[in-house]
Amino acid sequence: MSAFSEWESFYVIVGSSAGALIGLQFVAITLIAEGPAVPGQDRAGAAFATPTVIHFSTVMLLAAILSAPWHQVSSAAILWGTIGIIGFVYAIIVNSRMRAQKVYKPVFEDWLFHFLLPLAAYVLLAGAAFATRANVDRALFGVAAASLLLLFIGIHNTWDAVIWHVFTQRQRRIDPSK
């Protein structure tokens, strides 16, 4: 469809960026894993690290869906709407995981980037599916906005985790009184 072909370059860039960032996320986790294990670290990982990989993977999946040769927008909209609903449910699960883990006490920035903004991105994605009935072009901009939001959330969260491990956890290993 011509509506999708106009977005081809955007999704090539966004999808390949998400793929590269998944690789970077795995490198960061591998380097972090070199330190001593902390009790409850698996729960913290499920709350903070796993969602980042999920967000990057969602962006890659959206890029693949929107690059496929669809004959009807509605078919693609059903898929991205379903992803939005699943992502919404997943954000709620992440919220409960953040509350359950005891390794780190989340601050407002953590709630914003690990729960509120992903929730907003997935709601936008689901809403864009419904918006295709009224205006396909605006719906496609909604999908693009959700994709970029998830991409930037993932970049922020990866950077934040690396900085926390490098400066906070490393300092604790050097000086256990901190």
C-alpha atoms as a PDB file:
ATOM      1  CA  MET A   1       0.000   0.000   0.000  1.00  0.00           C
ATOM      2  CA  SER A   2       1.201   3.494  -0.727  1.00  0.00           C
ATOM      3  CA  ALA A   3       0.515   4.617   2.863  1.00  0.00           C
ATOM      4  CA  PHE A   4       3.108   2.133   4.135  1.00  0.00           C
ATOM      5  CA  SER A   5       5.671   2.698   1.386  1.00  0.00           C
ATOM      6  CA  GLU A   6       6.061   6.315   2.466  1.00  0.00           C
ATOM      7  CA  TRP A   7       7.221   5.045   5.875  1.00  0.00           C
ATOM      8  CA  GLU A   8       9.731   2.490   4.572  1.00  0.00           C
ATOM      9  CA  SER A   9      12.898   4.513   5.311  1.00  0.00           C
ATOM     10  CA  PHE A  10      11.632   5.444   8.770  1.00  0.00           C
ATOM     11  CA  TYR A  11      11.074   1.821   9.765  1.00  0.00           C
ATOM     12  CA  VAL A  12      14.369   0.664   8.261  1.00  0.00           C
ATOM     13  CA  ILE A  13      16.154   3.204  10.462  1.00  0.00           C
ATOM     14  CA  VAL A  14      14.063   2.617  13.588  1.00  0.00           C
ATOM     15  CA  GLY A  15      13.985  -1.174  13.267  1.00  0.00           C
ATOM     16  CA  SER A  16      17.718  -1.529  12.651  1.00  0.00           C
ATOM     17  CA  SER A  17      18.433   0.882  15.519  1.00  0.00           C
ATOM     18  CA  ALA A  18      16.324  -1.265  17.844  1.00  0.00           C
ATOM     19  CA  GLY A  19      18.180  -4.387  16.701  1.00  0.00           C
ATOM     20  CA  ALA A  20      21.562  -2.796  17.332  1.00  0.00           C
ATOM     21  CA  LEU A  21      20.421  -1.541  20.725  1.00  0.00           C
ATOM     22  CA  ILE A  22      19.276  -5.030  21.736  1.00  0.00           C
ATOM     23  CA  GLY A  23      22.849  -6.138  21.088  1.00  0.00           C
ATOM     24  CA  LEU A  24      24.166  -3.255  23.166  1.00  0.00           C
ATOM     25  CA  GLN A  25      21.758  -4.182  25.963  1.00  0.00           C
ATOM     26  CA  PHE A  26      23.148  -7.734  26.006  1.00  0.00           C
ATOM     27  CA  VAL A  27      26.726  -6.416  26.103  1.00  0.00           C
ATOM     28  CA  ALA A  28      25.824  -4.130  29.013  1.00  0.00           C
ATOM     29  CA  ILE A  29      24.146  -6.968  30.922  1.00  0.00           C
ATOM     30  CA  THR A  30      27.144  -9.243  30.292  1.00  0.00           C
ATOM     31  CA  LEU A  31      29.546  -6.633  31.652  1.00  0.00           C
ATOM     32  CA  ILE A  32      27.320  -5.998  34.657  1.00  0.00           C
ATOM     33  CA  ALA A  33      27.132  -9.739  35.331  1.00  0.00           C
ATOM     34  CA  GLU A  34      30.878  -9.768  35.950  1.00  0.00           C
ATOM     35  CA  GLY A  35      30.228  -8.286  39.413  1.00  0.00           C
ATOM     36  CA  PRO A  36      29.181 -10.302  42.446  1.00  0.00           C
ATOM     37  CA  ALA A  37      25.600 -11.529  42.553  1.00  0.00           C
ATOM     38  CA  VAL A  38      23.181  -9.672  44.785  1.00  0.00           C
ATOM     39  CA  PRO A  39      20.250 -11.509  46.434  1.00  0.00           C
ATOM     40  CA  GLY A  40      17.034 -10.614  44.600  1.00  0.00           C
ATOM     41  CA  GLN A  41      18.895  -9.472  41.495  1.00  0.00           C
ATOM     42  CA  ASP A  42      16.740 -11.734  39.324  1.00  0.00           C
ATOM     43  CA  ARG A  43      13.591  -9.878  40.437  1.00  0.00           C
ATOM     44  CA  ALA A  44      15.227  -6.519  39.783  1.00  0.00           C
ATOM     45  CA  GLY A  45      16.293  -7.733  36.344  1.00  0.00           C
ATOM     46  CA  ALA A  46      12.724  -8.764  35.566  1.00  0.00           C
ATOM     47  CA  ALA A  47      11.567  -5.298  36.588  1.00  0.00           C
ATOM     48  CA  PHE A  48      14.255  -3.173  34.954  1.00  0.00           C
ATOM     49  CA  ALA A  49      16.334  -5.060  32.342  1.00  0.00           C
ATOM     50  CA  THR A  50      13.861  -7.417  30.678  1.00  0.00           C
ATOM     51  CA  PRO A  51      11.322  -4.689  29.808  1.00  0.00           C
ATOM     52  CA  THR A  52      14.011  -2.761  27.949  1.00  0.00           C
ATOM     53  CA  VAL A  53      14.690  -5.744  25.701  1.00  0.00           C
ATOM     54  CA  ILE A  54      10.918  -6.145  25.236  1.00  0.00           C
ATOM     55  CA  HIS A  55      10.563  -2.485  24.182  1.00  0.00           C
ATOM     56  CA  PHE A  56      13.418  -2.763  21.663  1.00  0.00           C
ATOM     57  CA  SER A  57      11.941  -6.028  20.356  1.00  0.00           C
ATOM     58  CA  THR A  58       8.534  -4.378  20.014  1.00  0.00           C
ATOM     59  CA  VAL A  59      10.068  -1.633  17.883  1.00  0.00           C
ATOM     60  CA  MET A  60      11.733  -4.251  15.667  1.00  0.00           C
ATOM     61  CA  LEU A  61       8.460  -6.148  15.360  1.00  0.00           C
ATOM     62  CA  LEU A  62       6.545  -2.976  14.468  1.00  0.00           C
ATOM     63  CA  ALA A  63       9.184  -2.128  11.862  1.00  0.00           C
ATOM     64  CA  ALA A  64       8.771  -5.591  10.337  1.00  0.00           C
ATOM     65  CA  ILE A  65       4.975  -5.377  10.384  1.00  0.00           C
ATOM     66  CA  LEU A  66       4.916  -1.957   8.768  1.00  0.00           C
ATOM     67  CA  SER A  67       7.499  -2.985   6.151  1.00  0.00           C
ATOM     68  CA  ALA A  68       5.481  -6.020   5.029  1.00  0.00           C
ATOM     69  CA  PRO A  69       3.584  -5.764   1.739  1.00  0.00           C
ATOM     70  CA  TRP A  70       0.077  -5.328   3.165  1.00  0.00           C
ATOM     71  CA  HIS A  71      -2.932  -4.995   0.861  1.00  0.00           C
ATOM     72  CA  GLN A  72      -5.118  -3.521   3.587  1.00  0.00           C
ATOM     73  CA  VAL A  73      -4.204  -1.221   6.442  1.00  0.00           C
ATOM     74  CA  SER A  74      -6.738  -2.959   8.672  1.00  0.00           C
ATOM     75  CA  SER A  75      -4.714  -6.192   8.733  1.00  0.00           C
ATOM     76  CA  ALA A  76      -1.611  -4.403   9.969  1.00  0.00           C
ATOM     77  CA  ALA A  77      -3.695  -2.300  12.369  1.00  0.00           C
ATOM     78  CA  ILE A  78      -5.082  -5.433  14.004  1.00  0.00           C
ATOM     79  CA  LEU A  79      -1.527  -6.622  14.640  1.00  0.00           C
ATOM     80  CA  TRP A  80      -0.187  -3.337  16.012  1.00  0.00           C
ATOM     81  CA  GLY A  81      -3.353  -2.888  18.077  1.00  0.00           C
ATOM     82  CA  THR A  82      -2.863  -6.343  19.574  1.00  0.00           C
ATOM     83  CA  ILE A  83       0.754  -5.481  20.344  1.00  0.00           C
ATOM     84  CA  GLY A  84      -0.456  -2.301  22.039  1.00  0.00           C
ATOM     85  CA  ILE A  85      -2.904  -4.215  24.236  1.00  0.00           C
ATOM     86  CA  ILE A  86      -0.303  -6.850  25.142  1.00  0.00           C
ATOM     87  CA  GLY A  87       2.194  -4.074  25.889  1.00  0.00           C
ATOM     88  CA  PHE A  88      -0.344  -2.348  28.126  1.00  0.00           C
ATOM     89  CA  VAL A  89      -0.805  -5.551  30.142  1.00  0.00           C
ATOM     90  CA  TYR A  90       2.968  -6.049  30.250  1.00  0.00           C
ATOM     91  CA  ALA A  91       3.456  -2.499  31.613  1.00  0.00           C
ATOM     92  CA  ILE A  92       1.071  -3.353  34.452  1.00  0.00           C
ATOM     93  CA  ILE A  93       3.108  -6.506  35.159  1.00  0.00           C
ATOM     94  CA  VAL A  94       6.331  -4.449  35.162  1.00  0.00           C
ATOM     95  CA  ASN A  95       4.721  -2.082  37.663  1.00  0.00           C
ATOM     96  CA  SER A  96       4.064  -4.975  40.045  1.00  0.00           C
ATOM     97  CA  ARG A  97       7.591  -6.321  39.516  1.00  0.00           C
ATOM     98  CA  MET A  98       9.067  -2.913  40.324  1.00  0.00           C
ATOM     99  CA  ARG A  99       7.112  -2.882  43.574  1.00  0.00           C
ATOM    100  CA  ALA A 100       8.058  -6.479  44.473  1.00  0.00           C
ATOM    101  CA  GLN A 101      11.815  -6.274  43.959  1.00  0.00           C
ATOM    102  CA  LYS A 102      13.915  -5.102  46.916  1.00  0.00           C
ATOM    103  CA  VAL A 103      17.361  -4.540  45.367  1.00  0.00           C
ATOM    104  CA  TYR A 104      16.648  -0.948  44.378  1.00  0.00           C
ATOM    105  CA  LYS A 105      14.120   1.645  45.534  1.00  0.00           C
ATOM    106  CA  PRO A 106      12.678   3.265  42.399  1.00  0.00           C
ATOM    107  CA  VAL A 107      12.511   7.065  42.228  1.00  0.00           C
ATOM    108  CA  PHE A 108      10.133   9.151  40.085  1.00  0.00           C
ATOM    109  CA  GLU A 109      12.387   8.914  37.014  1.00  0.00           C
ATOM    110  CA  ASP A 110      12.266   5.120  37.257  1.00  0.00           C
ATOM    111  CA  TRP A 111       8.466   5.089  37.474  1.00  0.00           C
ATOM    112  CA  LEU A 112       8.338   7.476  34.513  1.00  0.00           C
ATOM    113  CA  PHE A 113      10.666   5.531  32.210  1.00  0.00           C
ATOM    114  CA  HIS A 114       9.872   1.982  33.309  1.00  0.00           C
ATOM    115  CA  PHE A 115       6.110   2.257  33.761  1.00  0.00           C
ATOM    116  CA  LEU A 116       4.344   5.498  32.768  1.00  0.00           C
ATOM    117  CA  LEU A 117       5.996   6.231  29.407  1.00  0.00           C
ATOM    118  CA  PRO A 118       5.887   2.590  28.209  1.00  0.00           C
ATOM    119  CA  LEU A 119       2.236   2.448  29.276  1.00  0.00           C
ATOM    120  CA  ALA A 120       1.576   5.625  27.258  1.00  0.00           C
ATOM    121  CA  ALA A 121       3.417   4.217  24.226  1.00  0.00           C
ATOM    122  CA  TYR A 122       1.396   1.001  24.258  1.00  0.00           C
ATOM    123  CA  VAL A 123      -1.891   2.898  24.747  1.00  0.00           C
ATOM    124  CA  LEU A 124      -0.922   5.120  21.805  1.00  0.00           C
ATOM    125  CA  LEU A 125      -0.191   2.036  19.731  1.00  0.00           C
ATOM    126  CA  ALA A 126      -3.552   0.445  20.546  1.00  0.00           C
ATOM    127  CA  GLY A 127      -5.307   3.767  19.965  1.00  0.00           C
ATOM    128  CA  ALA A 128      -3.619   4.133  16.584  1.00  0.00           C
ATOM    129  CA  ALA A 129      -5.189   0.840  15.532  1.00  0.00           C
ATOM    130  CA  PHE A 130      -8.639   2.218  16.255  1.00  0.00           C
ATOM    131  CA  ALA A 131      -7.749   5.530  14.587  1.00  0.00           C
ATOM    132  CA  THR A 132      -7.168   3.857  11.219  1.00  0.00           C
ATOM    133  CA  ARG A 133     -10.923   3.909  10.621  1.00  0.00           C
ATOM    134  CA  ALA A 134     -10.995   7.707  10.806  1.00  0.00           C
ATOM    135  CA  ASN A 135      -7.603   8.685   9.377  1.00  0.00           C
ATOM    136  CA  VAL A 136      -4.928   6.244   8.226  1.00  0.00           C
ATOM    137  CA  ASP A 137      -2.209   8.901   7.933  1.00  0.00           C
ATOM    138  CA  ARG A 138      -2.676  10.088  11.520  1.00  0.00           C
ATOM    139  CA  ALA A 139      -2.812   6.493  12.745  1.00  0.00           C
ATOM    140  CA  LEU A 140       0.525   5.781  11.074  1.00  0.00           C
ATOM    141  CA  PHE A 141       2.008   8.828  12.791  1.00  0.00           C
ATOM    142  CA  GLY A 142       0.698   7.391  16.066  1.00  0.00           C
ATOM    143  CA  VAL A 143       2.486   4.095  15.427  1.00  0.00           C
ATOM    144  CA  ALA A 144       5.662   5.995  14.539  1.00  0.00           C
ATOM    145  CA  ALA A 145       5.415   8.077  17.723  1.00  0.00           C
ATOM    146  CA  ALA A 146       4.908   4.964  19.852  1.00  0.00           C
ATOM    147  CA  SER A 147       7.881   3.285  18.146  1.00  0.00           C
ATOM    148  CA  LEU A 148      10.166   6.257  18.760  1.00  0.00           C
ATOM    149  CA  LEU A 149       8.976   6.589  22.340  1.00  0.00           C
ATOM    150  CA  LEU A 150       9.760   2.922  23.036  1.00  0.00           C
ATOM    151  CA  LEU A 151      13.141   3.296  21.334  1.00  0.00           C
ATOM    152  CA  PHE A 152      14.095   6.339  23.423  1.00  0.00           C
ATOM    153  CA  ILE A 153      12.759   4.715  26.608  1.00  0.00           C
ATOM    154  CA  GLY A 154      15.011   1.745  25.909  1.00  0.00           C
ATOM    155  CA  ILE A 155      18.033   3.974  25.286  1.00  0.00           C
ATOM    156  CA  HIS A 156      17.401   5.867  28.516  1.00  0.00           C
ATOM    157  CA  ASN A 157      16.854   2.714  30.562  1.00  0.00           C
ATOM    158  CA  THR A 158      19.967   0.995  29.220  1.00  0.00           C
ATOM    159  CA  TRP A 159      22.093   4.050  29.924  1.00  0.00           C
ATOM    160  CA  ASP A 160      20.554   4.488  33.375  1.00  0.00           C
ATOM    161  CA  ALA A 161      21.221   0.849  34.307  1.00  0.00           C
ATOM    162  CA  VAL A 162      24.824   0.984  33.147  1.00  0.00           C
ATOM    163  CA  ILE A 163      25.465   4.226  35.030  1.00  0.00           C
ATOM    164  CA  TRP A 164      23.852   2.828  38.193  1.00  0.00           C
ATOM    165  CA  HIS A 165      25.933  -0.349  38.047  1.00  0.00           C
ATOM    166  CA  VAL A 166      29.164   1.435  37.187  1.00  0.00           C
ATOM    167  CA  PHE A 167      28.949   4.212  39.744  1.00  0.00           C
ATOM    168  CA  THR A 168      26.685   2.944  42.524  1.00  0.00           C
ATOM    169  CA  GLN A 169      27.278  -0.798  42.630  1.00  0.00           C
ATOM    170  CA  ARG A 170      30.984  -0.498  41.832  1.00  0.00           C
ATOM    171  CA  GLN A 171      31.416   2.054  44.629  1.00  0.00           C
ATOM    172  CA  ARG A 172      29.650  -0.320  47.024  1.00  0.00           C
ATOM    173  CA  ARG A 173      32.085  -3.102  46.086  1.00  0.00           C
ATOM    174  CA  ILE A 174      35.043  -0.770  46.685  1.00  0.00           C
ATOM    175  CA  ASP A 175      33.619   0.714  49.914  1.00  0.00           C
ATOM    176  CA  PRO A 176      30.944  -1.594  51.438  1.00  0.00           C
ATOM    177  CA  SER A 177      29.963   1.083  53.987  1.00  0.00           C
ATOM    178  CA  LYS A 178      28.183   3.062  51.207  1.00  0.00           C
END
